[in-house]
Amino acid sequence: MSLDAAVEVVTGTVVFTDIVGFTAFTADEGDDRALEVLGVQETAVVEALPPGARVVKELGDGLMLWFPDAASAVVTSLRLQAELADRYESEEFPLWVRMGAHHGTQRCRREDLVGHDVNVAARIVDLAAPGEVLVSEATVAAARRVLEGVEFAEVGPVVVKGIPDAVWIYRAELA
């Protein structure tokens, strides 16, 4: 197998998810229960993804998702949060998820995505509170012109590890 892989430049929105408190939950509830929770998340995500979007990869208890446009990324993330919150109430999914999104260009190498804009999205999810969807200014700009029923509350500029310039962050919420 050759180590060289064709690289394609794509434009879209990367969303990272993270299950808050998963490590402690696994320690308390055990590996089998943790796997059940991951299965619930996987099912909810796969059912929520619109055409053209995909799960890029699993990252332990988190996921890296890709959407061809910012509007579908924001709407899907908010709907997914609502779905998981409903499952939280029924105790089927006993933990909260946080999400972070950034719209830009990525490098697609095999099935993976890499690049600065991927790194920005990864840093944004770290800022989100449980049950929250945070998005970059670039995501708001790309989504706002075609998006109804969603409000963006300015959080402000945030300096994040490894990113040279402050990133303007917004909280996305269903109106």
Protein backbone atom coordinates (compact mmCIF):
# COMPACT_ATOMS: atom_id res chain seq x y z
CA MET A 1 0.00 0.00 0.00
CA SER A 2 1.36 3.39 -0.94
CA LEU A 3 1.63 6.05 1.73
CA ASP A 4 0.81 8.68 -0.87
CA ALA A 5 -2.84 9.58 -0.98
CA ALA A 6 -4.64 11.94 -3.30
CA VAL A 7 -5.67 15.08 -1.46
CA GLU A 8 -8.81 16.96 -2.41
CA VAL A 9 -9.74 20.43 -1.17
CA VAL A 10 -13.36 20.59 -0.01
CA THR A 11 -15.48 23.39 1.39
CA GLY A 12 -17.96 22.59 4.11
CA THR A 13 -18.67 22.67 7.81
CA VAL A 14 -16.94 20.46 10.34
CA VAL A 15 -18.84 19.67 13.55
CA PHE A 16 -17.23 17.99 16.51
CA THR A 17 -19.29 16.37 19.24
CA ASP A 18 -18.16 15.45 22.73
CA ILE A 19 -20.06 13.55 25.42
CA VAL A 20 -19.54 15.50 28.64
CA GLY A 21 -18.46 13.36 31.62
CA PHE A 22 -18.06 10.17 29.60
CA THR A 23 -14.83 9.06 31.28
CA ALA A 24 -16.32 9.31 34.79
CA PHE A 25 -19.55 7.68 33.56
CA THR A 26 -17.58 4.75 32.17
CA ALA A 27 -15.69 4.36 35.45
CA ASP A 28 -18.95 4.39 37.44
CA GLU A 29 -21.23 2.44 35.11
CA GLY A 30 -18.81 0.14 33.31
CA ASP A 31 -17.71 -0.46 29.75
CA ASP A 32 -20.88 -2.26 28.62
CA ARG A 33 -23.11 0.64 29.69
CA ALA A 34 -20.68 3.07 28.02
CA LEU A 35 -20.98 1.11 24.78
CA GLU A 36 -24.78 1.31 25.03
CA VAL A 37 -24.56 5.10 25.32
CA LEU A 38 -22.24 5.28 22.31
CA GLY A 39 -24.74 3.17 20.37
CA VAL A 40 -27.57 5.57 21.22
CA GLN A 41 -25.44 8.50 20.06
CA GLU A 42 -24.49 6.73 16.84
CA THR A 43 -28.09 5.89 16.01
CA ALA A 44 -29.29 9.44 16.70
CA VAL A 45 -26.52 10.96 14.57
CA VAL A 46 -26.97 8.62 11.61
CA GLU A 47 -30.73 9.23 11.62
CA ALA A 48 -30.20 13.02 11.78
CA LEU A 49 -27.63 13.41 9.01
CA PRO A 50 -28.98 15.01 5.83
CA PRO A 51 -27.93 13.85 2.36
CA GLY A 52 -24.32 14.73 1.62
CA ALA A 53 -23.29 14.87 5.28
CA ARG A 54 -21.25 12.13 6.88
CA VAL A 55 -19.53 10.87 9.99
CA VAL A 56 -15.85 11.38 9.23
CA LYS A 57 -14.61 9.44 12.24
CA GLU A 58 -15.21 8.42 15.82
CA LEU A 59 -12.97 10.01 18.44
CA GLY A 60 -13.58 7.96 21.57
CA ASP A 61 -16.86 9.38 22.85
CA GLY A 62 -16.89 12.17 20.28
CA LEU A 63 -17.51 12.36 16.58
CA MET A 64 -16.20 14.40 13.69
CA LEU A 65 -18.99 15.21 11.24
CA TRP A 66 -18.87 16.96 7.87
CA PHE A 67 -21.63 18.87 6.12
CA PRO A 68 -21.54 20.34 2.61
CA ASP A 69 -23.15 23.55 3.88
CA ALA A 70 -23.24 25.52 7.12
CA ALA A 71 -27.02 25.80 7.37
CA SER A 72 -27.59 22.04 7.42
CA ALA A 73 -24.73 21.65 9.92
CA VAL A 74 -26.30 24.14 12.34
CA VAL A 75 -29.86 22.85 11.98
CA THR A 76 -28.79 19.22 12.28
CA SER A 77 -26.66 19.98 15.35
CA LEU A 78 -29.54 21.76 17.07
CA ARG A 79 -32.03 19.01 16.21
CA LEU A 80 -29.56 16.39 17.41
CA GLN A 81 -29.14 18.24 20.71
CA ALA A 82 -32.94 18.29 21.13
CA GLU A 83 -33.17 14.56 20.33
CA LEU A 84 -30.42 13.67 22.80
CA ALA A 85 -32.00 15.91 25.45
CA ASP A 86 -35.26 13.97 25.03
CA ARG A 87 -33.34 10.73 25.45
CA TYR A 88 -31.62 12.24 28.51
CA GLU A 89 -35.02 12.83 30.10
CA SER A 90 -35.92 9.17 29.54
CA GLU A 91 -32.49 8.12 30.89
CA GLU A 92 -31.75 6.29 27.64
CA PHE A 93 -28.90 8.75 27.11
CA PRO A 94 -27.78 9.84 30.61
CA LEU A 95 -25.17 12.40 29.56
CA TRP A 96 -25.07 15.74 27.76
CA VAL A 97 -23.31 16.41 24.48
CA ARG A 98 -21.54 19.58 23.46
CA MET A 99 -20.89 20.58 19.84
CA GLY A 100 -18.64 22.97 17.97
CA ALA A 101 -18.76 23.92 14.29
CA HIS A 102 -16.59 25.83 11.85
CA HIS A 103 -17.17 26.45 8.16
CA GLY A 104 -14.24 26.66 5.77
CA THR A 105 -11.99 24.56 3.58
CA GLN A 106 -10.58 21.22 4.52
CA ARG A 107 -8.17 18.79 2.96
CA CYS A 108 -9.70 15.40 2.33
CA ARG A 109 -7.11 12.64 2.50
CA ARG A 110 -8.65 9.24 1.95
CA GLU A 111 -11.75 9.46 4.17
CA ASP A 112 -10.23 11.83 6.73
CA LEU A 113 -10.30 15.63 6.87
CA VAL A 114 -7.36 17.72 8.01
CA GLY A 115 -6.31 21.36 8.02
CA HIS A 116 -6.56 24.63 9.87
CA ASP A 117 -10.35 24.85 9.62
CA VAL A 118 -10.69 21.36 11.11
CA ASN A 119 -8.46 22.44 13.99
CA VAL A 120 -10.60 25.51 14.62
CA ALA A 121 -13.74 23.36 14.87
CA ALA A 122 -11.95 21.04 17.30
CA ARG A 123 -11.10 23.97 19.56
CA ILE A 124 -14.63 25.37 19.46
CA VAL A 125 -16.20 22.19 20.83
CA ASP A 126 -13.90 22.46 23.85
CA LEU A 127 -15.54 25.81 24.71
CA ALA A 128 -19.13 24.55 24.58
CA ALA A 129 -21.13 23.85 27.72
CA PRO A 130 -23.18 20.66 28.08
CA GLY A 131 -26.09 20.74 25.63
CA GLU A 132 -24.67 23.73 23.77
CA VAL A 133 -23.87 24.28 20.08
CA LEU A 134 -21.14 26.85 19.50
CA VAL A 135 -20.23 28.01 16.02
CA SER A 136 -17.64 30.28 14.48
CA GLU A 137 -18.33 33.60 12.80
CA ALA A 138 -17.53 31.94 9.46
CA THR A 139 -20.31 29.41 10.14
CA VAL A 140 -22.79 32.15 11.01
CA ALA A 141 -21.89 34.08 7.85
CA ALA A 142 -22.29 31.01 5.65
CA ALA A 143 -25.54 29.83 7.29
CA ARG A 144 -27.41 33.02 8.12
CA ARG A 145 -28.36 33.98 4.58
CA VAL A 146 -30.35 30.75 4.10
CA LEU A 147 -31.35 29.89 7.66
CA GLU A 148 -34.65 30.60 9.38
CA GLY A 149 -35.70 29.60 12.87
CA VAL A 150 -32.21 29.82 14.36
CA GLU A 151 -30.77 32.58 16.48
CA PHE A 152 -27.09 33.29 17.03
CA ALA A 153 -26.03 34.88 20.31
CA GLU A 154 -22.59 36.45 20.25
CA VAL A 155 -20.22 34.97 22.81
CA GLY A 156 -17.29 37.05 21.62
CA PRO A 157 -13.72 36.60 20.49
CA VAL A 158 -11.92 33.72 22.15
CA VAL A 159 -8.25 32.88 22.10
CA VAL A 160 -7.82 29.13 21.70
CA LYS A 161 -4.78 26.90 21.90
CA GLY A 162 -2.78 26.67 18.70
CA ILE A 163 -4.83 29.17 16.70
CA PRO A 164 -2.95 32.45 16.14
CA ASP A 165 -5.98 34.77 15.93
CA ALA A 166 -8.95 35.04 18.27
CA VAL A 167 -12.00 33.16 16.99
CA TRP A 168 -15.39 34.89 17.13
CA ILE A 169 -17.85 32.46 18.69
CA TYR A 170 -21.65 32.39 18.65
CA ARG A 171 -24.16 30.20 20.48
CA ALA A 172 -26.71 28.70 18.08
CA GLU A 173 -30.24 28.21 19.40
CA LEU A 174 -33.60 27.31 17.90
CA ALA A 175 -35.80 30.40 17.77
